[in-house]
Amino acid sequence: MQESKPKNNDSLAIVAYITLIGTIVAFFLNRENRNTLVSFHIRQALGLWLLQMVLGYFIGAFDSVMLSTSFWIFFIVLFIYGIFSAVGKKMNAVPILGPFFQKLFASI
């Protein structure tokens, strides 16, 4: 008889940051065997994606290249920070917004 080892799905933490679809996929794959690291990064990524979409809608209305560029750089830096935290298997919240996302999506 073979013993089944528990799946280590830490790689889902990285997948969560790759598009909103990746966040949704990571959420559903993490539901059966909950991993606290993956759940943490799903909350972070979901918050970043939703905030980017909402703010992007309003930033786009200004039709300013400088404002749009700074908006994109801000979110790219936050996503890269989150990805490196997930790669290092650390639960570091993204600066400024991370603790808010953890409270907002606590049920995930």
C-alpha atoms as a PDB file:
ATOM      1  CA  MET A   1       0.000   0.000   0.000  1.00  0.00           C
ATOM      2  CA  GLN A   2       1.291   3.436  -0.875  1.00  0.00           C
ATOM      3  CA  GLU A   3       1.154   6.220   1.613  1.00  0.00           C
ATOM      4  CA  SER A   4      -0.139   9.441   0.169  1.00  0.00           C
ATOM      5  CA  LYS A   5       1.837  12.474   1.156  1.00  0.00           C
ATOM      6  CA  PRO A   6      -0.023  15.706   1.763  1.00  0.00           C
ATOM      7  CA  LYS A   7       0.252  18.012  -1.211  1.00  0.00           C
ATOM      8  CA  ASN A   8       2.477  21.019  -0.756  1.00  0.00           C
ATOM      9  CA  ASN A   9       0.706  23.632  -2.838  1.00  0.00           C
ATOM     10  CA  ASP A  10       2.958  26.577  -1.983  1.00  0.00           C
ATOM     11  CA  SER A  11       3.354  27.304  -5.700  1.00  0.00           C
ATOM     12  CA  LEU A  12      -0.268  28.461  -5.741  1.00  0.00           C
ATOM     13  CA  ALA A  13       0.882  31.520  -3.795  1.00  0.00           C
ATOM     14  CA  ILE A  14       2.860  32.599  -6.870  1.00  0.00           C
ATOM     15  CA  VAL A  15       0.027  31.723  -9.265  1.00  0.00           C
ATOM     16  CA  ALA A  16      -2.281  34.038  -7.297  1.00  0.00           C
ATOM     17  CA  TYR A  17      -0.363  37.092  -8.511  1.00  0.00           C
ATOM     18  CA  ILE A  18      -0.480  36.107 -12.188  1.00  0.00           C
ATOM     19  CA  THR A  19      -3.658  37.770 -13.499  1.00  0.00           C
ATOM     20  CA  LEU A  20      -7.012  37.801 -11.781  1.00  0.00           C
ATOM     21  CA  ILE A  21      -7.748  34.395 -13.318  1.00  0.00           C
ATOM     22  CA  GLY A  22      -4.668  33.029 -11.514  1.00  0.00           C
ATOM     23  CA  THR A  23      -6.035  34.365  -8.239  1.00  0.00           C
ATOM     24  CA  ILE A  24      -9.361  32.641  -8.825  1.00  0.00           C
ATOM     25  CA  VAL A  25      -7.661  29.369  -9.805  1.00  0.00           C
ATOM     26  CA  ALA A  26      -5.439  29.494  -6.715  1.00  0.00           C
ATOM     27  CA  PHE A  27      -8.496  30.187  -4.548  1.00  0.00           C
ATOM     28  CA  PHE A  28     -10.404  27.140  -5.796  1.00  0.00           C
ATOM     29  CA  LEU A  29      -7.394  24.819  -5.708  1.00  0.00           C
ATOM     30  CA  ASN A  30      -6.595  25.898  -2.144  1.00  0.00           C
ATOM     31  CA  ARG A  31     -10.112  25.231  -0.826  1.00  0.00           C
ATOM     32  CA  GLU A  32      -9.709  21.485  -0.261  1.00  0.00           C
ATOM     33  CA  ASN A  33      -6.358  21.466   1.546  1.00  0.00           C
ATOM     34  CA  ARG A  34      -6.032  24.928   3.041  1.00  0.00           C
ATOM     35  CA  ASN A  35      -2.522  26.293   3.203  1.00  0.00           C
ATOM     36  CA  THR A  36      -2.104  29.439   5.307  1.00  0.00           C
ATOM     37  CA  LEU A  37       0.680  30.780   3.067  1.00  0.00           C
ATOM     38  CA  VAL A  38      -1.431  30.392  -0.066  1.00  0.00           C
ATOM     39  CA  SER A  39      -4.516  31.889   1.602  1.00  0.00           C
ATOM     40  CA  PHE A  40      -2.446  34.877   2.722  1.00  0.00           C
ATOM     41  CA  HIS A  41      -1.162  35.544  -0.804  1.00  0.00           C
ATOM     42  CA  ILE A  42      -4.593  34.998  -2.359  1.00  0.00           C
ATOM     43  CA  ARG A  43      -5.961  37.757  -0.122  1.00  0.00           C
ATOM     44  CA  GLN A  44      -3.069  40.043  -1.059  1.00  0.00           C
ATOM     45  CA  ALA A  45      -3.362  39.373  -4.801  1.00  0.00           C
ATOM     46  CA  LEU A  46      -7.157  39.678  -4.859  1.00  0.00           C
ATOM     47  CA  GLY A  47      -6.957  43.024  -3.098  1.00  0.00           C
ATOM     48  CA  LEU A  48      -4.289  44.290  -5.491  1.00  0.00           C
ATOM     49  CA  TRP A  49      -6.181  43.169  -8.606  1.00  0.00           C
ATOM     50  CA  LEU A  50      -9.510  44.626  -7.513  1.00  0.00           C
ATOM     51  CA  LEU A  51      -7.984  47.910  -6.377  1.00  0.00           C
ATOM     52  CA  GLN A  52      -6.015  48.201  -9.601  1.00  0.00           C
ATOM     53  CA  MET A  53      -9.165  47.735 -11.672  1.00  0.00           C
ATOM     54  CA  VAL A  54     -11.243  50.197  -9.696  1.00  0.00           C
ATOM     55  CA  LEU A  55      -8.566  52.886  -9.488  1.00  0.00           C
ATOM     56  CA  GLY A  56      -7.476  52.258 -13.080  1.00  0.00           C
ATOM     57  CA  TYR A  57     -10.940  53.150 -14.294  1.00  0.00           C
ATOM     58  CA  PHE A  58     -10.760  56.543 -12.599  1.00  0.00           C
ATOM     59  CA  ILE A  59      -7.094  57.204 -13.410  1.00  0.00           C
ATOM     60  CA  GLY A  60      -7.790  56.511 -17.093  1.00  0.00           C
ATOM     61  CA  ALA A  61     -10.392  59.273 -17.120  1.00  0.00           C
ATOM     62  CA  PHE A  62      -7.706  61.899 -16.425  1.00  0.00           C
ATOM     63  CA  ASP A  63      -5.951  61.195 -19.740  1.00  0.00           C
ATOM     64  CA  SER A  64      -2.556  62.057 -18.244  1.00  0.00           C
ATOM     65  CA  VAL A  65       0.512  60.082 -19.256  1.00  0.00           C
ATOM     66  CA  MET A  66       2.408  61.044 -16.118  1.00  0.00           C
ATOM     67  CA  LEU A  67      -0.444  60.022 -13.823  1.00  0.00           C
ATOM     68  CA  SER A  68      -1.044  56.740 -15.667  1.00  0.00           C
ATOM     69  CA  THR A  69       2.655  55.875 -15.672  1.00  0.00           C
ATOM     70  CA  SER A  70       3.037  56.494 -11.956  1.00  0.00           C
ATOM     71  CA  PHE A  71      -0.128  54.451 -11.313  1.00  0.00           C
ATOM     72  CA  TRP A  72       1.230  51.476 -13.277  1.00  0.00           C
ATOM     73  CA  ILE A  73       4.674  51.689 -11.687  1.00  0.00           C
ATOM     74  CA  PHE A  74       3.090  51.749  -8.222  1.00  0.00           C
ATOM     75  CA  PHE A  75       1.091  48.584  -8.870  1.00  0.00           C
ATOM     76  CA  ILE A  76       3.914  46.779 -10.680  1.00  0.00           C
ATOM     77  CA  VAL A  77       6.177  47.364  -7.672  1.00  0.00           C
ATOM     78  CA  LEU A  78       3.498  46.036  -5.297  1.00  0.00           C
ATOM     79  CA  PHE A  79       2.922  42.947  -7.454  1.00  0.00           C
ATOM     80  CA  ILE A  80       6.659  42.246  -7.698  1.00  0.00           C
ATOM     81  CA  TYR A  81       6.973  42.623  -3.924  1.00  0.00           C
ATOM     82  CA  GLY A  82       4.154  40.139  -3.458  1.00  0.00           C
ATOM     83  CA  ILE A  83       5.619  37.658  -5.941  1.00  0.00           C
ATOM     84  CA  PHE A  84       9.047  37.739  -4.302  1.00  0.00           C
ATOM     85  CA  SER A  85       7.411  37.257  -0.924  1.00  0.00           C
ATOM     86  CA  ALA A  86       5.530  34.233  -2.284  1.00  0.00           C
ATOM     87  CA  VAL A  87       8.680  32.794  -3.883  1.00  0.00           C
ATOM     88  CA  GLY A  88      10.498  33.130  -0.560  1.00  0.00           C
ATOM     89  CA  LYS A  89       7.558  31.439   1.200  1.00  0.00           C
ATOM     90  CA  LYS A  90       7.155  34.428   3.507  1.00  0.00           C
ATOM     91  CA  MET A  91       3.941  36.074   4.611  1.00  0.00           C
ATOM     92  CA  ASN A  92       5.010  39.675   4.078  1.00  0.00           C
ATOM     93  CA  ALA A  93       2.060  41.978   3.455  1.00  0.00           C
ATOM     94  CA  VAL A  94       2.405  44.416   0.586  1.00  0.00           C
ATOM     95  CA  PRO A  95       3.321  47.881   1.853  1.00  0.00           C
ATOM     96  CA  ILE A  96       0.578  50.370   2.689  1.00  0.00           C
ATOM     97  CA  LEU A  97      -2.373  48.203   1.608  1.00  0.00           C
ATOM     98  CA  GLY A  98      -1.524  44.677   2.777  1.00  0.00           C
ATOM     99  CA  PRO A  99      -2.949  44.782   6.313  1.00  0.00           C
ATOM    100  CA  PHE A 100      -6.190  46.269   4.960  1.00  0.00           C
ATOM    101  CA  PHE A 101      -6.519  43.435   2.420  1.00  0.00           C
ATOM    102  CA  GLN A 102      -5.969  40.849   5.155  1.00  0.00           C
ATOM    103  CA  LYS A 103      -8.830  42.321   7.200  1.00  0.00           C
ATOM    104  CA  LEU A 104     -11.132  42.866   4.219  1.00  0.00           C
ATOM    105  CA  PHE A 105     -10.763  39.327   2.845  1.00  0.00           C
ATOM    106  CA  ALA A 106     -10.381  37.532   6.192  1.00  0.00           C
ATOM    107  CA  SER A 107     -13.003  34.962   5.237  1.00  0.00           C
ATOM    108  CA  ILE A 108     -10.895  33.662   2.328  1.00  0.00           C
END
